[in-house]
Amino acid sequence: MRNYITHEWFTIFTIIGLFTIVVAKYLNTLRFNDFLYVIGSPKYLKIYAKDQKFIDQFDSFLFVNLSLSLSIFIYFTYNTFVSPVDFELVSFLKLVFAVSTIIIIKTLLERLIGSLFEMDSLIDDYLFQKTTFKNFSGLIFLIANLFLLYTDIAVNIIIIAALSLVFLINAIGFISSLKTHLKLINPNFFYFLLYLCALEIGPYVVLYKVIREYNT
């Protein structure tokens, strides 16, 4: 086991992430079990997209884990590949806040665009699909963090493996969405490219700048 000064705080945040997952499963065991198989089966998306709400309790608990687990993973990634940094609780909480805020604002902007162009139903289905795959990625980040915290496996190997898996998961989700909405995208390809640049790539550029500020 690694003896980090930050070990106790990361353990606390990891436990909170695990707790939110347990609560999500307790509130809706059947939905959680279907959620675990979302990568290999369209059942979850077909069933639960119909009952989605603006603020979904199940997704909200999984979102808490995503924010915490992704922030911990970002800390290790930055510490390993960019520059070693000393852990400060306030700075880390700012990182968690930044990650959560960017994801929420991005989602709200997409909903706003859907309303402006009168595509609410289409955007809602698309966002539900994206949210599902993001929350599933949160489980991967949580597992990766457990390996980072409690094993002696090389940190860079764990990080690269986790990022590759998360990229694959979200690529599957993106391709699935692309196939579903291909007829709408074809005649509006230029606007689709603008969308990708503004709402799919732009927020991650902002997040990168936030992470760089974390070291100052």
C-alpha atoms as a PDB file:
ATOM      1  CA  MET A   1       0.000   0.000   0.000  1.00  0.00           C
ATOM      2  CA  ARG A   2       1.199   3.478  -0.835  1.00  0.00           C
ATOM      3  CA  ASN A   3       1.662   5.919   2.023  1.00  0.00           C
ATOM      4  CA  TYR A   4       0.427   9.217   0.632  1.00  0.00           C
ATOM      5  CA  ILE A   5      -0.212  12.215   2.838  1.00  0.00           C
ATOM      6  CA  THR A   6      -3.481  12.465   0.916  1.00  0.00           C
ATOM      7  CA  HIS A   7      -4.372   8.817   1.519  1.00  0.00           C
ATOM      8  CA  GLU A   8      -6.939   9.512   4.237  1.00  0.00           C
ATOM      9  CA  TRP A   9      -8.759  12.261   2.348  1.00  0.00           C
ATOM     10  CA  PHE A  10      -8.884  10.250  -0.855  1.00  0.00           C
ATOM     11  CA  THR A  11     -10.171   7.280   1.132  1.00  0.00           C
ATOM     12  CA  ILE A  12     -12.965   9.443   2.555  1.00  0.00           C
ATOM     13  CA  PHE A  13     -13.959  10.765  -0.883  1.00  0.00           C
ATOM     14  CA  THR A  14     -13.803   7.261  -2.348  1.00  0.00           C
ATOM     15  CA  ILE A  15     -16.072   5.950   0.406  1.00  0.00           C
ATOM     16  CA  ILE A  16     -18.524   8.771  -0.323  1.00  0.00           C
ATOM     17  CA  GLY A  17     -18.484   7.753  -3.984  1.00  0.00           C
ATOM     18  CA  LEU A  18     -19.115   4.122  -3.060  1.00  0.00           C
ATOM     19  CA  PHE A  19     -21.921   5.206  -0.711  1.00  0.00           C
ATOM     20  CA  THR A  20     -23.707   7.133  -3.481  1.00  0.00           C
ATOM     21  CA  ILE A  21     -23.534   4.066  -5.722  1.00  0.00           C
ATOM     22  CA  VAL A  22     -24.981   1.885  -2.953  1.00  0.00           C
ATOM     23  CA  VAL A  23     -27.782   4.410  -2.407  1.00  0.00           C
ATOM     24  CA  ALA A  24     -28.550   4.465  -6.152  1.00  0.00           C
ATOM     25  CA  LYS A  25     -28.763   0.670  -6.146  1.00  0.00           C
ATOM     26  CA  TYR A  26     -30.898   0.650  -2.986  1.00  0.00           C
ATOM     27  CA  LEU A  27     -33.367   3.166  -4.449  1.00  0.00           C
ATOM     28  CA  ASN A  28     -33.764   1.234  -7.700  1.00  0.00           C
ATOM     29  CA  THR A  29     -32.101  -2.183  -7.700  1.00  0.00           C
ATOM     30  CA  LEU A  30     -33.636  -3.317 -10.991  1.00  0.00           C
ATOM     31  CA  ARG A  31     -32.547  -0.158 -12.806  1.00  0.00           C
ATOM     32  CA  PHE A  32     -29.035  -0.408 -11.356  1.00  0.00           C
ATOM     33  CA  ASN A  33     -28.683  -4.001 -12.514  1.00  0.00           C
ATOM     34  CA  ASP A  34     -29.803  -2.999 -16.020  1.00  0.00           C
ATOM     35  CA  PHE A  35     -27.396  -0.049 -15.874  1.00  0.00           C
ATOM     36  CA  LEU A  36     -24.432  -2.364 -15.293  1.00  0.00           C
ATOM     37  CA  TYR A  37     -25.107  -4.059 -18.651  1.00  0.00           C
ATOM     38  CA  VAL A  38     -25.638  -0.865 -20.673  1.00  0.00           C
ATOM     39  CA  ILE A  39     -22.448  -1.400 -22.715  1.00  0.00           C
ATOM     40  CA  GLY A  40     -23.555  -4.707 -24.188  1.00  0.00           C
ATOM     41  CA  SER A  41     -27.304  -4.231 -24.256  1.00  0.00           C
ATOM     42  CA  PRO A  42     -29.629  -1.400 -25.409  1.00  0.00           C
ATOM     43  CA  LYS A  43     -32.257  -2.486 -22.858  1.00  0.00           C
ATOM     44  CA  TYR A  44     -31.401   0.190 -20.283  1.00  0.00           C
ATOM     45  CA  LEU A  45     -31.520   3.070 -22.766  1.00  0.00           C
ATOM     46  CA  LYS A  46     -34.773   1.892 -24.362  1.00  0.00           C
ATOM     47  CA  ILE A  47     -36.609   1.374 -21.071  1.00  0.00           C
ATOM     48  CA  TYR A  48     -35.455   4.259 -18.896  1.00  0.00           C
ATOM     49  CA  ALA A  49     -35.140   7.006 -21.520  1.00  0.00           C
ATOM     50  CA  LYS A  50     -38.951   7.129 -21.589  1.00  0.00           C
ATOM     51  CA  ASP A  51     -39.163   7.898 -17.861  1.00  0.00           C
ATOM     52  CA  GLN A  52     -36.314  10.415 -17.625  1.00  0.00           C
ATOM     53  CA  LYS A  53     -36.785  13.593 -15.602  1.00  0.00           C
ATOM     54  CA  PHE A  54     -35.009  16.957 -15.601  1.00  0.00           C
ATOM     55  CA  ILE A  55     -33.469  16.023 -12.228  1.00  0.00           C
ATOM     56  CA  ASP A  56     -33.243  12.260 -11.953  1.00  0.00           C
ATOM     57  CA  GLN A  57     -32.559  10.925  -8.460  1.00  0.00           C
ATOM     58  CA  PHE A  58     -30.808   7.776  -9.697  1.00  0.00           C
ATOM     59  CA  ASP A  59     -28.498   9.666 -12.065  1.00  0.00           C
ATOM     60  CA  SER A  60     -27.866  12.352  -9.430  1.00  0.00           C
ATOM     61  CA  PHE A  61     -26.304   9.888  -7.000  1.00  0.00           C
ATOM     62  CA  LEU A  62     -24.166   8.386  -9.759  1.00  0.00           C
ATOM     63  CA  PHE A  63     -23.159  11.915 -10.769  1.00  0.00           C
ATOM     64  CA  VAL A  64     -21.771  12.561  -7.263  1.00  0.00           C
ATOM     65  CA  ASN A  65     -19.533   9.515  -7.643  1.00  0.00           C
ATOM     66  CA  LEU A  66     -18.509  10.650 -11.142  1.00  0.00           C
ATOM     67  CA  SER A  67     -17.476  14.098  -9.877  1.00  0.00           C
ATOM     68  CA  LEU A  68     -15.477  12.772  -6.919  1.00  0.00           C
ATOM     69  CA  SER A  69     -13.883   9.824  -8.710  1.00  0.00           C
ATOM     70  CA  LEU A  70     -12.987  11.865 -11.802  1.00  0.00           C
ATOM     71  CA  SER A  71     -11.423  14.599  -9.627  1.00  0.00           C
ATOM     72  CA  ILE A  72      -9.272  12.068  -7.762  1.00  0.00           C
ATOM     73  CA  PHE A  73      -8.263  10.504 -11.064  1.00  0.00           C
ATOM     74  CA  ILE A  74      -7.388  13.926 -12.496  1.00  0.00           C
ATOM     75  CA  TYR A  75      -5.174  14.614  -9.470  1.00  0.00           C
ATOM     76  CA  PHE A  76      -3.215  11.389  -9.985  1.00  0.00           C
ATOM     77  CA  THR A  77      -2.985  11.940 -13.749  1.00  0.00           C
ATOM     78  CA  TYR A  78      -1.725  15.510 -13.356  1.00  0.00           C
ATOM     79  CA  ASN A  79       0.651  14.456 -10.593  1.00  0.00           C
ATOM     80  CA  THR A  80       2.060  11.671 -12.771  1.00  0.00           C
ATOM     81  CA  PHE A  81       2.258  13.137 -16.264  1.00  0.00           C
ATOM     82  CA  VAL A  82       2.406  16.915 -15.784  1.00  0.00           C
ATOM     83  CA  SER A  83       3.904  18.043 -12.495  1.00  0.00           C
ATOM     84  CA  PRO A  84       3.962  16.721  -8.901  1.00  0.00           C
ATOM     85  CA  VAL A  85       1.713  18.794  -6.645  1.00  0.00           C
ATOM     86  CA  ASP A  86       1.159  18.871  -2.915  1.00  0.00           C
ATOM     87  CA  PHE A  87      -2.353  17.973  -1.870  1.00  0.00           C
ATOM     88  CA  GLU A  88      -4.439  20.775  -0.414  1.00  0.00           C
ATOM     89  CA  LEU A  89      -8.018  20.058   0.609  1.00  0.00           C
ATOM     90  CA  VAL A  90      -9.351  23.470  -0.431  1.00  0.00           C
ATOM     91  CA  SER A  91      -7.705  23.229  -3.857  1.00  0.00           C
ATOM     92  CA  PHE A  92      -9.036  19.720  -4.348  1.00  0.00           C
ATOM     93  CA  LEU A  93     -12.568  20.792  -3.413  1.00  0.00           C
ATOM     94  CA  LYS A  94     -12.243  23.585  -5.976  1.00  0.00           C
ATOM     95  CA  LEU A  95     -11.303  20.953  -8.551  1.00  0.00           C
ATOM     96  CA  VAL A  96     -14.373  18.868  -7.634  1.00  0.00           C
ATOM     97  CA  PHE A  97     -16.527  21.991  -7.915  1.00  0.00           C
ATOM     98  CA  ALA A  98     -15.013  22.876 -11.310  1.00  0.00           C
ATOM     99  CA  VAL A  99     -15.537  19.363 -12.698  1.00  0.00           C
ATOM    100  CA  SER A 100     -19.147  19.255 -11.456  1.00  0.00           C
ATOM    101  CA  THR A 101     -19.933  22.757 -12.696  1.00  0.00           C
ATOM    102  CA  ILE A 102     -18.541  22.174 -16.184  1.00  0.00           C
ATOM    103  CA  ILE A 103     -20.558  18.969 -16.606  1.00  0.00           C
ATOM    104  CA  ILE A 104     -23.775  20.600 -15.323  1.00  0.00           C
ATOM    105  CA  ILE A 105     -23.399  23.804 -17.360  1.00  0.00           C
ATOM    106  CA  LYS A 106     -22.613  21.787 -20.480  1.00  0.00           C
ATOM    107  CA  THR A 107     -25.782  19.737 -19.997  1.00  0.00           C
ATOM    108  CA  LEU A 108     -27.915  22.840 -19.390  1.00  0.00           C
ATOM    109  CA  LEU A 109     -26.523  24.517 -22.516  1.00  0.00           C
ATOM    110  CA  GLU A 110     -27.384  21.473 -24.578  1.00  0.00           C
ATOM    111  CA  ARG A 111     -30.922  21.492 -23.180  1.00  0.00           C
ATOM    112  CA  LEU A 112     -31.188  25.193 -23.986  1.00  0.00           C
ATOM    113  CA  ILE A 113     -30.084  24.595 -27.573  1.00  0.00           C
ATOM    114  CA  GLY A 114     -32.649  21.814 -27.832  1.00  0.00           C
ATOM    115  CA  SER A 115     -35.388  24.202 -26.697  1.00  0.00           C
ATOM    116  CA  LEU A 116     -34.265  27.024 -29.020  1.00  0.00           C
ATOM    117  CA  PHE A 117     -34.329  24.764 -32.064  1.00  0.00           C
ATOM    118  CA  GLU A 118     -37.450  22.910 -30.896  1.00  0.00           C
ATOM    119  CA  MET A 119     -35.638  19.573 -30.627  1.00  0.00           C
ATOM    120  CA  ASP A 120     -36.375  18.893 -26.972  1.00  0.00           C
ATOM    121  CA  SER A 121     -37.277  15.244 -27.441  1.00  0.00           C
ATOM    122  CA  LEU A 122     -34.213  14.518 -29.573  1.00  0.00           C
ATOM    123  CA  ILE A 123     -31.816  16.339 -27.234  1.00  0.00           C
ATOM    124  CA  ASP A 124     -33.349  14.712 -24.160  1.00  0.00           C
ATOM    125  CA  ASP A 125     -32.765  11.235 -25.582  1.00  0.00           C
ATOM    126  CA  TYR A 126     -29.228  12.154 -26.639  1.00  0.00           C
ATOM    127  CA  LEU A 127     -28.385  13.642 -23.236  1.00  0.00           C
ATOM    128  CA  PHE A 128     -29.816  10.643 -21.410  1.00  0.00           C
ATOM    129  CA  GLN A 129     -27.586   8.395 -23.451  1.00  0.00           C
ATOM    130  CA  LYS A 130     -24.509  10.559 -22.813  1.00  0.00           C
ATOM    131  CA  THR A 131     -25.275  10.892 -19.104  1.00  0.00           C
ATOM    132  CA  THR A 132     -25.628   7.123 -18.813  1.00  0.00           C
ATOM    133  CA  PHE A 133     -22.225   6.452 -20.374  1.00  0.00           C
ATOM    134  CA  LYS A 134     -20.598   9.204 -18.304  1.00  0.00           C
ATOM    135  CA  ASN A 135     -21.976   7.742 -15.092  1.00  0.00           C
ATOM    136  CA  PHE A 136     -20.759   4.313 -16.182  1.00  0.00           C
ATOM    137  CA  SER A 137     -17.333   5.873 -16.726  1.00  0.00           C
ATOM    138  CA  GLY A 138     -17.568   7.089 -13.122  1.00  0.00           C
ATOM    139  CA  LEU A 139     -17.562   3.447 -12.022  1.00  0.00           C
ATOM    140  CA  ILE A 140     -14.394   2.867 -14.050  1.00  0.00           C
ATOM    141  CA  PHE A 141     -12.706   5.889 -12.468  1.00  0.00           C
ATOM    142  CA  LEU A 142     -13.701   4.638  -9.009  1.00  0.00           C
ATOM    143  CA  ILE A 143     -12.172   1.208  -9.657  1.00  0.00           C
ATOM    144  CA  ALA A 144      -9.045   2.810 -11.123  1.00  0.00           C
ATOM    145  CA  ASN A 145      -8.696   5.008  -8.032  1.00  0.00           C
ATOM    146  CA  LEU A 146      -8.850   1.943  -5.793  1.00  0.00           C
ATOM    147  CA  PHE A 147      -5.924   0.487  -7.744  1.00  0.00           C
ATOM    148  CA  LEU A 148      -4.069   3.810  -7.580  1.00  0.00           C
ATOM    149  CA  LEU A 149      -4.560   4.062  -3.821  1.00  0.00           C
ATOM    150  CA  TYR A 150      -4.214   0.505  -2.601  1.00  0.00           C
ATOM    151  CA  THR A 151      -1.952  -1.421  -4.982  1.00  0.00           C
ATOM    152  CA  ASP A 152       1.664  -1.262  -6.085  1.00  0.00           C
ATOM    153  CA  ILE A 153       0.865  -1.470  -9.793  1.00  0.00           C
ATOM    154  CA  ALA A 154       2.646   1.267 -11.774  1.00  0.00           C
ATOM    155  CA  VAL A 155       0.536   4.428 -11.686  1.00  0.00           C
ATOM    156  CA  ASN A 156       1.034   5.235 -15.374  1.00  0.00           C
ATOM    157  CA  ILE A 157      -0.188   1.762 -16.392  1.00  0.00           C
ATOM    158  CA  ILE A 158      -3.381   2.134 -14.332  1.00  0.00           C
ATOM    159  CA  ILE A 159      -4.060   5.618 -15.681  1.00  0.00           C
ATOM    160  CA  ILE A 160      -3.502   4.678 -19.332  1.00  0.00           C
ATOM    161  CA  ALA A 161      -5.617   1.525 -18.981  1.00  0.00           C
ATOM    162  CA  ALA A 162      -8.464   3.449 -17.310  1.00  0.00           C
ATOM    163  CA  LEU A 163      -8.381   6.273 -19.876  1.00  0.00           C
ATOM    164  CA  SER A 164      -8.368   3.773 -22.741  1.00  0.00           C
ATOM    165  CA  LEU A 165     -11.366   1.949 -21.272  1.00  0.00           C
ATOM    166  CA  VAL A 166     -13.283   5.176 -20.621  1.00  0.00           C
ATOM    167  CA  PHE A 167     -12.516   6.411 -24.147  1.00  0.00           C
ATOM    168  CA  LEU A 168     -13.812   3.122 -25.566  1.00  0.00           C
ATOM    169  CA  ILE A 169     -16.994   3.291 -23.460  1.00  0.00           C
ATOM    170  CA  ASN A 170     -17.784   6.853 -24.508  1.00  0.00           C
ATOM    171  CA  ALA A 171     -16.869   6.120 -28.141  1.00  0.00           C
ATOM    172  CA  ILE A 172     -19.425   3.304 -28.087  1.00  0.00           C
ATOM    173  CA  GLY A 173     -21.980   5.725 -26.664  1.00  0.00           C
ATOM    174  CA  PHE A 174     -21.160   8.404 -29.257  1.00  0.00           C
ATOM    175  CA  ILE A 175     -21.316   5.985 -32.203  1.00  0.00           C
ATOM    176  CA  SER A 176     -24.593   4.613 -30.879  1.00  0.00           C
ATOM    177  CA  SER A 177     -26.039   8.139 -30.713  1.00  0.00           C
ATOM    178  CA  LEU A 178     -24.656   8.891 -34.179  1.00  0.00           C
ATOM    179  CA  LYS A 179     -26.386   5.865 -35.675  1.00  0.00           C
ATOM    180  CA  THR A 180     -29.653   6.685 -33.930  1.00  0.00           C
ATOM    181  CA  HIS A 181     -29.732  10.294 -35.192  1.00  0.00           C
ATOM    182  CA  LEU A 182     -27.888   9.859 -38.512  1.00  0.00           C
ATOM    183  CA  LYS A 183     -30.849  10.949 -40.635  1.00  0.00           C
ATOM    184  CA  LEU A 184     -31.030  14.246 -38.772  1.00  0.00           C
ATOM    185  CA  ILE A 185     -27.261  14.840 -38.811  1.00  0.00           C
ATOM    186  CA  ASN A 186     -26.694  14.308 -42.566  1.00  0.00           C
ATOM    187  CA  PRO A 187     -28.568  17.410 -43.786  1.00  0.00           C
ATOM    188  CA  ASN A 188     -27.190  19.489 -40.908  1.00  0.00           C
ATOM    189  CA  PHE A 189     -23.585  18.299 -40.910  1.00  0.00           C
ATOM    190  CA  PHE A 190     -22.095  21.809 -40.662  1.00  0.00           C
ATOM    191  CA  TYR A 191     -24.153  22.603 -37.558  1.00  0.00           C
ATOM    192  CA  PHE A 192     -23.200  19.226 -36.124  1.00  0.00           C
ATOM    193  CA  LEU A 193     -19.510  20.142 -36.480  1.00  0.00           C
ATOM    194  CA  LEU A 194     -20.167  23.480 -34.766  1.00  0.00           C
ATOM    195  CA  TYR A 195     -21.898  21.607 -31.976  1.00  0.00           C
ATOM    196  CA  LEU A 196     -18.928  19.260 -31.551  1.00  0.00           C
ATOM    197  CA  CYS A 197     -16.484  22.149 -31.325  1.00  0.00           C
ATOM    198  CA  ALA A 198     -18.599  24.294 -29.019  1.00  0.00           C
ATOM    199  CA  LEU A 199     -20.109  21.763 -26.622  1.00  0.00           C
ATOM    200  CA  GLU A 200     -18.076  18.565 -26.967  1.00  0.00           C
ATOM    201  CA  ILE A 201     -14.509  19.855 -27.323  1.00  0.00           C
ATOM    202  CA  GLY A 202     -14.689  23.360 -25.823  1.00  0.00           C
ATOM    203  CA  PRO A 203     -15.617  22.349 -22.249  1.00  0.00           C
ATOM    204  CA  TYR A 204     -12.655  19.979 -22.038  1.00  0.00           C
ATOM    205  CA  VAL A 205     -10.324  22.786 -23.101  1.00  0.00           C
ATOM    206  CA  VAL A 206     -11.769  24.833 -20.229  1.00  0.00           C
ATOM    207  CA  LEU A 207     -11.326  21.888 -17.863  1.00  0.00           C
ATOM    208  CA  TYR A 208      -7.676  21.560 -18.922  1.00  0.00           C
ATOM    209  CA  LYS A 209      -7.085  25.219 -18.076  1.00  0.00           C
ATOM    210  CA  VAL A 210      -8.739  24.697 -14.681  1.00  0.00           C
ATOM    211  CA  ILE A 211      -6.438  21.751 -14.011  1.00  0.00           C
ATOM    212  CA  ARG A 212      -3.398  23.869 -14.917  1.00  0.00           C
ATOM    213  CA  GLU A 213      -4.578  26.503 -12.443  1.00  0.00           C
ATOM    214  CA  TYR A 214      -4.707  23.753  -9.808  1.00  0.00           C
ATOM    215  CA  ASN A 215      -0.904  23.745  -9.805  1.00  0.00           C
ATOM    216  CA  THR A 216      -0.595  27.517  -9.210  1.00  0.00           C
END
